[in-house]
Amino acid sequence: MRERYIPALIMLLAGAITSIINIINKVDKLEGSKRLLIVLIIFYFVGILAKAIIKKALAPIPQKEEEEVPEEDNKEEEIQPEEKKN
């Protein structure tokens, strides 16, 4: 259930880092906004990919059913009553 938040978390984390770097480097607002938009889009798809990988890795492994060994046709042999010897 919590894996649905993974793409948004990765995207927002990348956006925060980009914004901090833009502020430190004193990038123009328009240029910074363009960079931020591109980073958010790219890392959203990276997050979707990460979500799929994590979901697949944590999925329970299906148990293979034991292969049924075909039973040999063990027909009961008719036991002939032996003649009583007197």
PDB file of N, CA and C in Angstrom:
ATOM      1  N   MET A   1       0.822  -1.191   0.000  1.00  0.00           N
ATOM      2  CA  MET A   1       0.000   0.000   0.000  1.00  0.00           C
ATOM      3  C   MET A   1       0.870   1.261   0.000  1.00  0.00           C
ATOM      4  N   ARG A   2       1.978   1.224   0.715  1.00  0.00           N
ATOM      5  CA  ARG A   2       2.820   2.400   0.803  1.00  0.00           C
ATOM      6  C   ARG A   2       3.632   2.640  -0.456  1.00  0.00           C
ATOM      7  N   GLU A   3       3.696   1.649  -1.332  1.00  0.00           N
ATOM      8  CA  GLU A   3       4.511   1.822  -2.529  1.00  0.00           C
ATOM      9  C   GLU A   3       3.904   2.836  -3.493  1.00  0.00           C
ATOM     10  N   ARG A   4       2.673   3.229  -3.275  1.00  0.00           N
ATOM     11  CA  ARG A   4       2.081   4.216  -4.181  1.00  0.00           C
ATOM     12  C   ARG A   4       2.679   5.603  -3.979  1.00  0.00           C
ATOM     13  N   TYR A   5       3.352   5.833  -2.851  1.00  0.00           N
ATOM     14  CA  TYR A   5       3.965   7.123  -2.564  1.00  0.00           C
ATOM     15  C   TYR A   5       5.404   7.229  -3.074  1.00  0.00           C
ATOM     16  N   ILE A   6       5.967   6.161  -3.547  1.00  0.00           N
ATOM     17  CA  ILE A   6       7.369   6.146  -3.960  1.00  0.00           C
ATOM     18  C   ILE A   6       7.661   7.126  -5.104  1.00  0.00           C
ATOM     19  N   PRO A   7       6.875   7.145  -6.201  1.00  0.00           N
ATOM     20  CA  PRO A   7       7.187   8.099  -7.272  1.00  0.00           C
ATOM     21  C   PRO A   7       7.138   9.560  -6.808  1.00  0.00           C
ATOM     22  N   ALA A   8       6.144   9.898  -6.015  1.00  0.00           N
ATOM     23  CA  ALA A   8       6.032  11.276  -5.546  1.00  0.00           C
ATOM     24  C   ALA A   8       7.183  11.637  -4.612  1.00  0.00           C
ATOM     25  N   LEU A   9       7.574  10.713  -3.762  1.00  0.00           N
ATOM     26  CA  LEU A   9       8.665  10.971  -2.835  1.00  0.00           C
ATOM     27  C   LEU A   9       9.981  11.203  -3.572  1.00  0.00           C
ATOM     28  N   ILE A  10      10.273  10.368  -4.543  1.00  0.00           N
ATOM     29  CA  ILE A  10      11.506  10.517  -5.320  1.00  0.00           C
ATOM     30  C   ILE A  10      11.476  11.819  -6.112  1.00  0.00           C
ATOM     31  N   MET A  11      10.326  12.126  -6.710  1.00  0.00           N
ATOM     32  CA  MET A  11      10.196  13.346  -7.502  1.00  0.00           C
ATOM     33  C   MET A  11      10.376  14.585  -6.631  1.00  0.00           C
ATOM     34  N   LEU A  12       9.746  14.616  -5.477  1.00  0.00           N
ATOM     35  CA  LEU A  12       9.840  15.789  -4.617  1.00  0.00           C
ATOM     36  C   LEU A  12      11.233  15.947  -4.017  1.00  0.00           C
ATOM     37  N   LEU A  13      11.871  14.851  -3.710  1.00  0.00           N
ATOM     38  CA  LEU A  13      13.234  14.918  -3.191  1.00  0.00           C
ATOM     39  C   LEU A  13      14.185  15.495  -4.247  1.00  0.00           C
ATOM     40  N   ALA A  14      14.053  15.033  -5.469  1.00  0.00           N
ATOM     41  CA  ALA A  14      14.885  15.558  -6.559  1.00  0.00           C
ATOM     42  C   ALA A  14      14.568  17.031  -6.814  1.00  0.00           C
ATOM     43  N   GLY A  15      13.299  17.398  -6.715  1.00  0.00           N
ATOM     44  CA  GLY A  15      12.912  18.798  -6.904  1.00  0.00           C
ATOM     45  C   GLY A  15      13.485  19.695  -5.821  1.00  0.00           C
ATOM     46  N   ALA A  16      13.481  19.215  -4.577  1.00  0.00           N
ATOM     47  CA  ALA A  16      14.048  20.000  -3.481  1.00  0.00           C
ATOM     48  C   ALA A  16      15.542  20.197  -3.669  1.00  0.00           C
ATOM     49  N   ILE A  17      16.231  19.145  -4.066  1.00  0.00           N
ATOM     50  CA  ILE A  17      17.680  19.248  -4.294  1.00  0.00           C
ATOM     51  C   ILE A  17      17.971  20.216  -5.436  1.00  0.00           C
ATOM     52  N   THR A  18      17.184  20.127  -6.499  1.00  0.00           N
ATOM     53  CA  THR A  18      17.365  21.036  -7.642  1.00  0.00           C
ATOM     54  C   THR A  18      17.121  22.484  -7.229  1.00  0.00           C
ATOM     55  N   SER A  19      16.080  22.700  -6.456  1.00  0.00           N
ATOM     56  CA  SER A  19      15.772  24.065  -6.007  1.00  0.00           C
ATOM     57  C   SER A  19      16.886  24.630  -5.133  1.00  0.00           C
ATOM     58  N   ILE A  20      17.415  23.807  -4.236  1.00  0.00           N
ATOM     59  CA  ILE A  20      18.511  24.264  -3.373  1.00  0.00           C
ATOM     60  C   ILE A  20      19.744  24.608  -4.199  1.00  0.00           C
ATOM     61  N   ILE A  21      20.061  23.764  -5.170  1.00  0.00           N
ATOM     62  CA  ILE A  21      21.220  24.029  -6.026  1.00  0.00           C
ATOM     63  C   ILE A  21      21.004  25.305  -6.844  1.00  0.00           C
ATOM     64  N   ASN A  22      19.775  25.508  -7.345  1.00  0.00           N
ATOM     65  CA  ASN A  22      19.464  26.730  -8.097  1.00  0.00           C
ATOM     66  C   ASN A  22      19.611  27.971  -7.223  1.00  0.00           C
ATOM     67  N   ILE A  23      19.195  27.897  -5.985  1.00  0.00           N
ATOM     68  CA  ILE A  23      19.313  29.044  -5.077  1.00  0.00           C
ATOM     69  C   ILE A  23      20.768  29.324  -4.751  1.00  0.00           C
ATOM     70  N   ILE A  24      21.544  28.264  -4.472  1.00  0.00           N
ATOM     71  CA  ILE A  24      22.964  28.449  -4.143  1.00  0.00           C
ATOM     72  C   ILE A  24      23.714  29.065  -5.316  1.00  0.00           C
ATOM     73  N   ASN A  25      23.413  28.623  -6.534  1.00  0.00           N
ATOM     74  CA  ASN A  25      24.103  29.118  -7.726  1.00  0.00           C
ATOM     75  C   ASN A  25      23.496  30.415  -8.267  1.00  0.00           C
ATOM     76  N   LYS A  26      22.455  30.920  -7.616  1.00  0.00           N
ATOM     77  CA  LYS A  26      21.783  32.169  -8.000  1.00  0.00           C
ATOM     78  C   LYS A  26      21.349  32.148  -9.466  1.00  0.00           C
ATOM     79  N   VAL A  27      20.637  31.094  -9.810  1.00  0.00           N
ATOM     80  CA  VAL A  27      20.131  30.921 -11.172  1.00  0.00           C
ATOM     81  C   VAL A  27      18.884  31.788 -11.337  1.00  0.00           C
ATOM     82  N   ASP A  28      18.686  32.323 -12.532  1.00  0.00           N
ATOM     83  CA  ASP A  28      17.514  33.134 -12.858  1.00  0.00           C
ATOM     84  C   ASP A  28      16.235  32.327 -12.604  1.00  0.00           C
ATOM     85  N   LYS A  29      15.161  33.007 -12.218  1.00  0.00           N
ATOM     86  CA  LYS A  29      13.911  32.312 -11.851  1.00  0.00           C
ATOM     87  C   LYS A  29      13.328  31.513 -13.016  1.00  0.00           C
ATOM     88  N   LEU A  30      13.323  32.090 -14.196  1.00  0.00           N
ATOM     89  CA  LEU A  30      12.762  31.388 -15.351  1.00  0.00           C
ATOM     90  C   LEU A  30      13.600  30.155 -15.695  1.00  0.00           C
ATOM     91  N   GLU A  31      14.912  30.339 -15.711  1.00  0.00           N
ATOM     92  CA  GLU A  31      15.804  29.208 -16.004  1.00  0.00           C
ATOM     93  C   GLU A  31      15.689  28.135 -14.927  1.00  0.00           C
ATOM     94  N   GLY A  32      15.619  28.538 -13.671  1.00  0.00           N
ATOM     95  CA  GLY A  32      15.474  27.591 -12.562  1.00  0.00           C
ATOM     96  C   GLY A  32      14.159  26.829 -12.631  1.00  0.00           C
ATOM     97  N   SER A  33      13.105  27.525 -13.042  1.00  0.00           N
ATOM     98  CA  SER A  33      11.790  26.870 -13.161  1.00  0.00           C
ATOM     99  C   SER A  33      11.790  25.828 -14.273  1.00  0.00           C
ATOM    100  N   LYS A  34      12.467  26.148 -15.374  1.00  0.00           N
ATOM    101  CA  LYS A  34      12.568  25.191 -16.482  1.00  0.00           C
ATOM    102  C   LYS A  34      13.320  23.937 -16.035  1.00  0.00           C
ATOM    103  N   ARG A  35      14.438  24.163 -15.353  1.00  0.00           N
ATOM    104  CA  ARG A  35      15.222  23.031 -14.850  1.00  0.00           C
ATOM    105  C   ARG A  35      14.407  22.185 -13.881  1.00  0.00           C
ATOM    106  N   LEU A  36      13.705  22.875 -13.000  1.00  0.00           N
ATOM    107  CA  LEU A  36      12.900  22.174 -12.002  1.00  0.00           C
ATOM    108  C   LEU A  36      11.820  21.319 -12.658  1.00  0.00           C
ATOM    109  N   LEU A  37      11.145  21.872 -13.659  1.00  0.00           N
ATOM    110  CA  LEU A  37      10.102  21.125 -14.363  1.00  0.00           C
ATOM    111  C   LEU A  37      10.670  19.873 -15.035  1.00  0.00           C
ATOM    112  N   ILE A  38      11.809  20.038 -15.691  1.00  0.00           N
ATOM    113  CA  ILE A  38      12.433  18.893 -16.365  1.00  0.00           C
ATOM    114  C   ILE A  38      12.834  17.827 -15.348  1.00  0.00           C
ATOM    115  N   VAL A  39      13.428  18.255 -14.233  1.00  0.00           N
ATOM    116  CA  VAL A  39      13.853  17.308 -13.193  1.00  0.00           C
ATOM    117  C   VAL A  39      12.649  16.589 -12.597  1.00  0.00           C
ATOM    118  N   LEU A  40      11.557  17.320 -12.346  1.00  0.00           N
ATOM    119  CA  LEU A  40      10.363  16.690 -11.767  1.00  0.00           C
ATOM    120  C   LEU A  40       9.782  15.635 -12.701  1.00  0.00           C
ATOM    121  N   ILE A  41       9.735  15.932 -13.980  1.00  0.00           N
ATOM    122  CA  ILE A  41       9.189  14.970 -14.946  1.00  0.00           C
ATOM    123  C   ILE A  41      10.078  13.732 -15.038  1.00  0.00           C
ATOM    124  N   ILE A  42      11.379  13.944 -15.152  1.00  0.00           N
ATOM    125  CA  ILE A  42      12.305  12.812 -15.279  1.00  0.00           C
ATOM    126  C   ILE A  42      12.254  11.924 -14.039  1.00  0.00           C
ATOM    127  N   PHE A  43      12.305  12.546 -12.864  1.00  0.00           N
ATOM    128  CA  PHE A  43      12.352  11.744 -11.653  1.00  0.00           C
ATOM    129  C   PHE A  43      10.995  11.139 -11.284  1.00  0.00           C
ATOM    130  N   TYR A  44       9.915  11.653 -11.842  1.00  0.00           N
ATOM    131  CA  TYR A  44       8.623  10.988 -11.652  1.00  0.00           C
ATOM    132  C   TYR A  44       8.640   9.635 -12.347  1.00  0.00           C
ATOM    133  N   PHE A  45       9.172   9.607 -13.563  1.00  0.00           N
ATOM    134  CA  PHE A  45       9.252   8.332 -14.283  1.00  0.00           C
ATOM    135  C   PHE A  45      10.276   7.390 -13.653  1.00  0.00           C
ATOM    136  N   VAL A  46      11.357   7.952 -13.116  1.00  0.00           N
ATOM    137  CA  VAL A  46      12.318   7.125 -12.382  1.00  0.00           C
ATOM    138  C   VAL A  46      11.635   6.510 -11.160  1.00  0.00           C
ATOM    139  N   GLY A  47      10.778   7.289 -10.500  1.00  0.00           N
ATOM    140  CA  GLY A  47      10.036   6.792  -9.343  1.00  0.00           C
ATOM    141  C   GLY A  47       9.065   5.681  -9.707  1.00  0.00           C
ATOM    142  N   ILE A  48       8.412   5.819 -10.842  1.00  0.00           N
ATOM    143  CA  ILE A  48       7.501   4.764 -11.302  1.00  0.00           C
ATOM    144  C   ILE A  48       8.279   3.481 -11.566  1.00  0.00           C
ATOM    145  N   LEU A  49       9.449   3.616 -12.172  1.00  0.00           N
ATOM    146  CA  LEU A  49      10.300   2.453 -12.432  1.00  0.00           C
ATOM    147  C   LEU A  49      10.754   1.819 -11.119  1.00  0.00           C
ATOM    148  N   ALA A  50      11.168   2.649 -10.176  1.00  0.00           N
ATOM    149  CA  ALA A  50      11.601   2.134  -8.867  1.00  0.00           C
ATOM    150  C   ALA A  50      10.449   1.438  -8.150  1.00  0.00           C
ATOM    151  N   LYS A  51       9.255   1.987  -8.256  1.00  0.00           N
ATOM    152  CA  LYS A  51       8.076   1.377  -7.635  1.00  0.00           C
ATOM    153  C   LYS A  51       7.817  -0.012  -8.207  1.00  0.00           C
ATOM    154  N   ALA A  52       7.927  -0.130  -9.521  1.00  0.00           N
ATOM    155  CA  ALA A  52       7.691  -1.426 -10.166  1.00  0.00           C
ATOM    156  C   ALA A  52       8.739  -2.447  -9.724  1.00  0.00           C
ATOM    157  N   ILE A  53       9.988  -2.019  -9.624  1.00  0.00           N
ATOM    158  CA  ILE A  53      11.057  -2.929  -9.211  1.00  0.00           C
ATOM    159  C   ILE A  53      10.860  -3.370  -7.758  1.00  0.00           C
ATOM    160  N   ILE A  54      10.546  -2.419  -6.893  1.00  0.00           N
ATOM    161  CA  ILE A  54      10.341  -2.740  -5.477  1.00  0.00           C
ATOM    162  C   ILE A  54       9.131  -3.645  -5.298  1.00  0.00           C
ATOM    163  N   LYS A  55       8.068  -3.352  -6.033  1.00  0.00           N
ATOM    164  CA  LYS A  55       6.856  -4.169  -5.932  1.00  0.00           C
ATOM    165  C   LYS A  55       7.131  -5.608  -6.365  1.00  0.00           C
ATOM    166  N   LYS A  56       7.900  -5.746  -7.431  1.00  0.00           N
ATOM    167  CA  LYS A  56       8.228  -7.088  -7.925  1.00  0.00           C
ATOM    168  C   LYS A  56       9.152  -7.819  -6.960  1.00  0.00           C
ATOM    169  N   ALA A  57      10.086  -7.082  -6.364  1.00  0.00           N
ATOM    170  CA  ALA A  57      11.037  -7.706  -5.435  1.00  0.00           C
ATOM    171  C   ALA A  57      10.361  -8.156  -4.144  1.00  0.00           C
ATOM    172  N   LEU A  58       9.357  -7.433  -3.708  1.00  0.00           N
ATOM    173  CA  LEU A  58       8.683  -7.761  -2.454  1.00  0.00           C
ATOM    174  C   LEU A  58       7.472  -8.668  -2.626  1.00  0.00           C
ATOM    175  N   ALA A  59       7.118  -8.974  -3.849  1.00  0.00           N
ATOM    176  CA  ALA A  59       5.973  -9.844  -4.103  1.00  0.00           C
ATOM    177  C   ALA A  59       6.287 -11.246  -3.600  1.00  0.00           C
ATOM    178  N   PRO A  60       5.290 -11.900  -3.013  1.00  0.00           N
ATOM    179  CA  PRO A  60       5.547 -13.264  -2.539  1.00  0.00           C
ATOM    180  C   PRO A  60       5.822 -14.192  -3.714  1.00  0.00           C
ATOM    181  N   ILE A  61       6.758 -15.081  -3.489  1.00  0.00           N
ATOM    182  CA  ILE A  61       7.128 -16.027  -4.527  1.00  0.00           C
ATOM    183  C   ILE A  61       6.083 -17.139  -4.549  1.00  0.00           C
ATOM    184  N   PRO A  62       5.454 -17.352  -5.701  1.00  0.00           N
ATOM    185  CA  PRO A  62       4.448 -18.407  -5.751  1.00  0.00           C
ATOM    186  C   PRO A  62       5.089 -19.775  -5.550  1.00  0.00           C
ATOM    187  N   GLN A  63       4.473 -20.564  -4.708  1.00  0.00           N
ATOM    188  CA  GLN A  63       4.971 -21.907  -4.443  1.00  0.00           C
ATOM    189  C   GLN A  63       4.596 -22.808  -5.606  1.00  0.00           C
ATOM    190  N   LYS A  64       5.578 -23.501  -6.108  1.00  0.00           N
ATOM    191  CA  LYS A  64       5.283 -24.455  -7.168  1.00  0.00           C
ATOM    192  C   LYS A  64       4.631 -25.667  -6.537  1.00  0.00           C
ATOM    193  N   GLU A  65       3.549 -26.057  -7.135  1.00  0.00           N
ATOM    194  CA  GLU A  65       2.872 -27.238  -6.618  1.00  0.00           C
ATOM    195  C   GLU A  65       3.756 -28.449  -6.889  1.00  0.00           C
ATOM    196  N   GLU A  66       3.765 -29.323  -5.922  1.00  0.00           N
ATOM    197  CA  GLU A  66       4.567 -30.523  -6.110  1.00  0.00           C
ATOM    198  C   GLU A  66       4.047 -31.278  -7.315  1.00  0.00           C
ATOM    199  N   GLU A  67       4.985 -31.653  -8.113  1.00  0.00           N
ATOM    200  CA  GLU A  67       4.579 -32.365  -9.311  1.00  0.00           C
ATOM    201  C   GLU A  67       3.993 -33.708  -8.905  1.00  0.00           C
ATOM    202  N   GLU A  68       2.844 -33.955  -9.421  1.00  0.00           N
ATOM    203  CA  GLU A  68       2.198 -35.217  -9.099  1.00  0.00           C
ATOM    204  C   GLU A  68       2.866 -36.318  -9.909  1.00  0.00           C
ATOM    205  N   VAL A  69       3.392 -37.268  -9.198  1.00  0.00           N
ATOM    206  CA  VAL A  69       4.013 -38.400  -9.855  1.00  0.00           C
ATOM    207  C   VAL A  69       2.894 -39.312 -10.325  1.00  0.00           C
ATOM    208  N   PRO A  70       2.864 -39.596 -11.594  1.00  0.00           N
ATOM    209  CA  PRO A  70       1.795 -40.467 -12.065  1.00  0.00           C
ATOM    210  C   PRO A  70       1.940 -41.852 -11.431  1.00  0.00           C
ATOM    211  N   GLU A  71       0.884 -42.224 -10.781  1.00  0.00           N
ATOM    212  CA  GLU A  71       0.916 -43.522 -10.114  1.00  0.00           C
ATOM    213  C   GLU A  71       0.825 -44.617 -11.162  1.00  0.00           C
ATOM    214  N   GLU A  72       1.635 -45.637 -10.940  1.00  0.00           N
ATOM    215  CA  GLU A  72       1.589 -46.750 -11.866  1.00  0.00           C
ATOM    216  C   GLU A  72       0.263 -47.469 -11.663  1.00  0.00           C
ATOM    217  N   ASP A  73      -0.197 -47.978 -12.715  1.00  0.00           N
ATOM    218  CA  ASP A  73      -1.472 -48.697 -12.621  1.00  0.00           C
ATOM    219  C   ASP A  73      -1.238 -49.986 -11.848  1.00  0.00           C
ATOM    220  N   ASN A  74      -1.398 -49.905 -10.571  1.00  0.00           N
ATOM    221  CA  ASN A  74      -1.237 -51.079  -9.716  1.00  0.00           C
ATOM    222  C   ASN A  74      -2.605 -51.722  -9.522  1.00  0.00           C
ATOM    223  N   LYS A  75      -2.959 -52.430 -10.501  1.00  0.00           N
ATOM    224  CA  LYS A  75      -4.237 -53.121 -10.389  1.00  0.00           C
ATOM    225  C   LYS A  75      -4.052 -54.305  -9.470  1.00  0.00           C
ATOM    226  N   GLU A  76      -4.996 -54.417  -8.625  1.00  0.00           N
ATOM    227  CA  GLU A  76      -4.900 -55.546  -7.700  1.00  0.00           C
ATOM    228  C   GLU A  76      -5.074 -56.829  -8.495  1.00  0.00           C
ATOM    229  N   GLU A  77      -4.097 -57.636  -8.326  1.00  0.00           N
ATOM    230  CA  GLU A  77      -4.182 -58.909  -9.028  1.00  0.00           C
ATOM    231  C   GLU A  77      -5.199 -59.769  -8.305  1.00  0.00           C
ATOM    232  N   GLU A  78      -5.969 -60.385  -9.106  1.00  0.00           N
ATOM    233  CA  GLU A  78      -6.967 -61.241  -8.490  1.00  0.00           C
ATOM    234  C   GLU A  78      -6.264 -62.441  -7.883  1.00  0.00           C
ATOM    235  N   ILE A  79      -6.484 -62.579  -6.647  1.00  0.00           N
ATOM    236  CA  ILE A  79      -5.845 -63.684  -5.947  1.00  0.00           C
ATOM    237  C   ILE A  79      -6.773 -64.890  -6.064  1.00  0.00           C
ATOM    238  N   GLN A  80      -6.226 -65.888  -6.676  1.00  0.00           N
ATOM    239  CA  GLN A  80      -6.990 -67.123  -6.839  1.00  0.00           C
ATOM    240  C   GLN A  80      -6.857 -67.911  -5.554  1.00  0.00           C
ATOM    241  N   PRO A  81      -7.948 -68.268  -5.003  1.00  0.00           N
ATOM    242  CA  PRO A  81      -7.835 -69.088  -3.795  1.00  0.00           C
ATOM    243  C   PRO A  81      -7.188 -70.416  -4.164  1.00  0.00           C
ATOM    244  N   GLU A  82      -6.161 -70.711  -3.377  1.00  0.00           N
ATOM    245  CA  GLU A  82      -5.460 -71.954  -3.635  1.00  0.00           C
ATOM    246  C   GLU A  82      -6.332 -73.114  -3.158  1.00  0.00           C
ATOM    247  N   GLU A  83      -6.206 -74.151  -3.884  1.00  0.00           N
ATOM    248  CA  GLU A  83      -6.983 -75.318  -3.505  1.00  0.00           C
ATOM    249  C   GLU A  83      -6.442 -75.871  -2.219  1.00  0.00           C
ATOM    250  N   LYS A  84      -7.320 -76.144  -1.343  1.00  0.00           N
ATOM    251  CA  LYS A  84      -6.899 -76.677  -0.049  1.00  0.00           C
ATOM    252  C   LYS A  84      -6.449 -78.116  -0.252  1.00  0.00           C
ATOM    253  N   LYS A  85      -5.295 -78.374   0.297  1.00  0.00           N
ATOM    254  CA  LYS A  85      -4.777 -79.717   0.221  1.00  0.00           C
ATOM    255  C   LYS A  85      -5.140 -80.430   1.499  1.00  0.00           C
ATOM    256  N   ASN A  86      -5.763 -81.551   1.346  1.00  0.00           N
ATOM    257  CA  ASN A  86      -6.155 -82.342   2.524  1.00  0.00           C
ATOM    258  C   ASN A  86      -5.176 -83.407   2.779  1.00  0.00           C
TER     259      ASN A  86
END
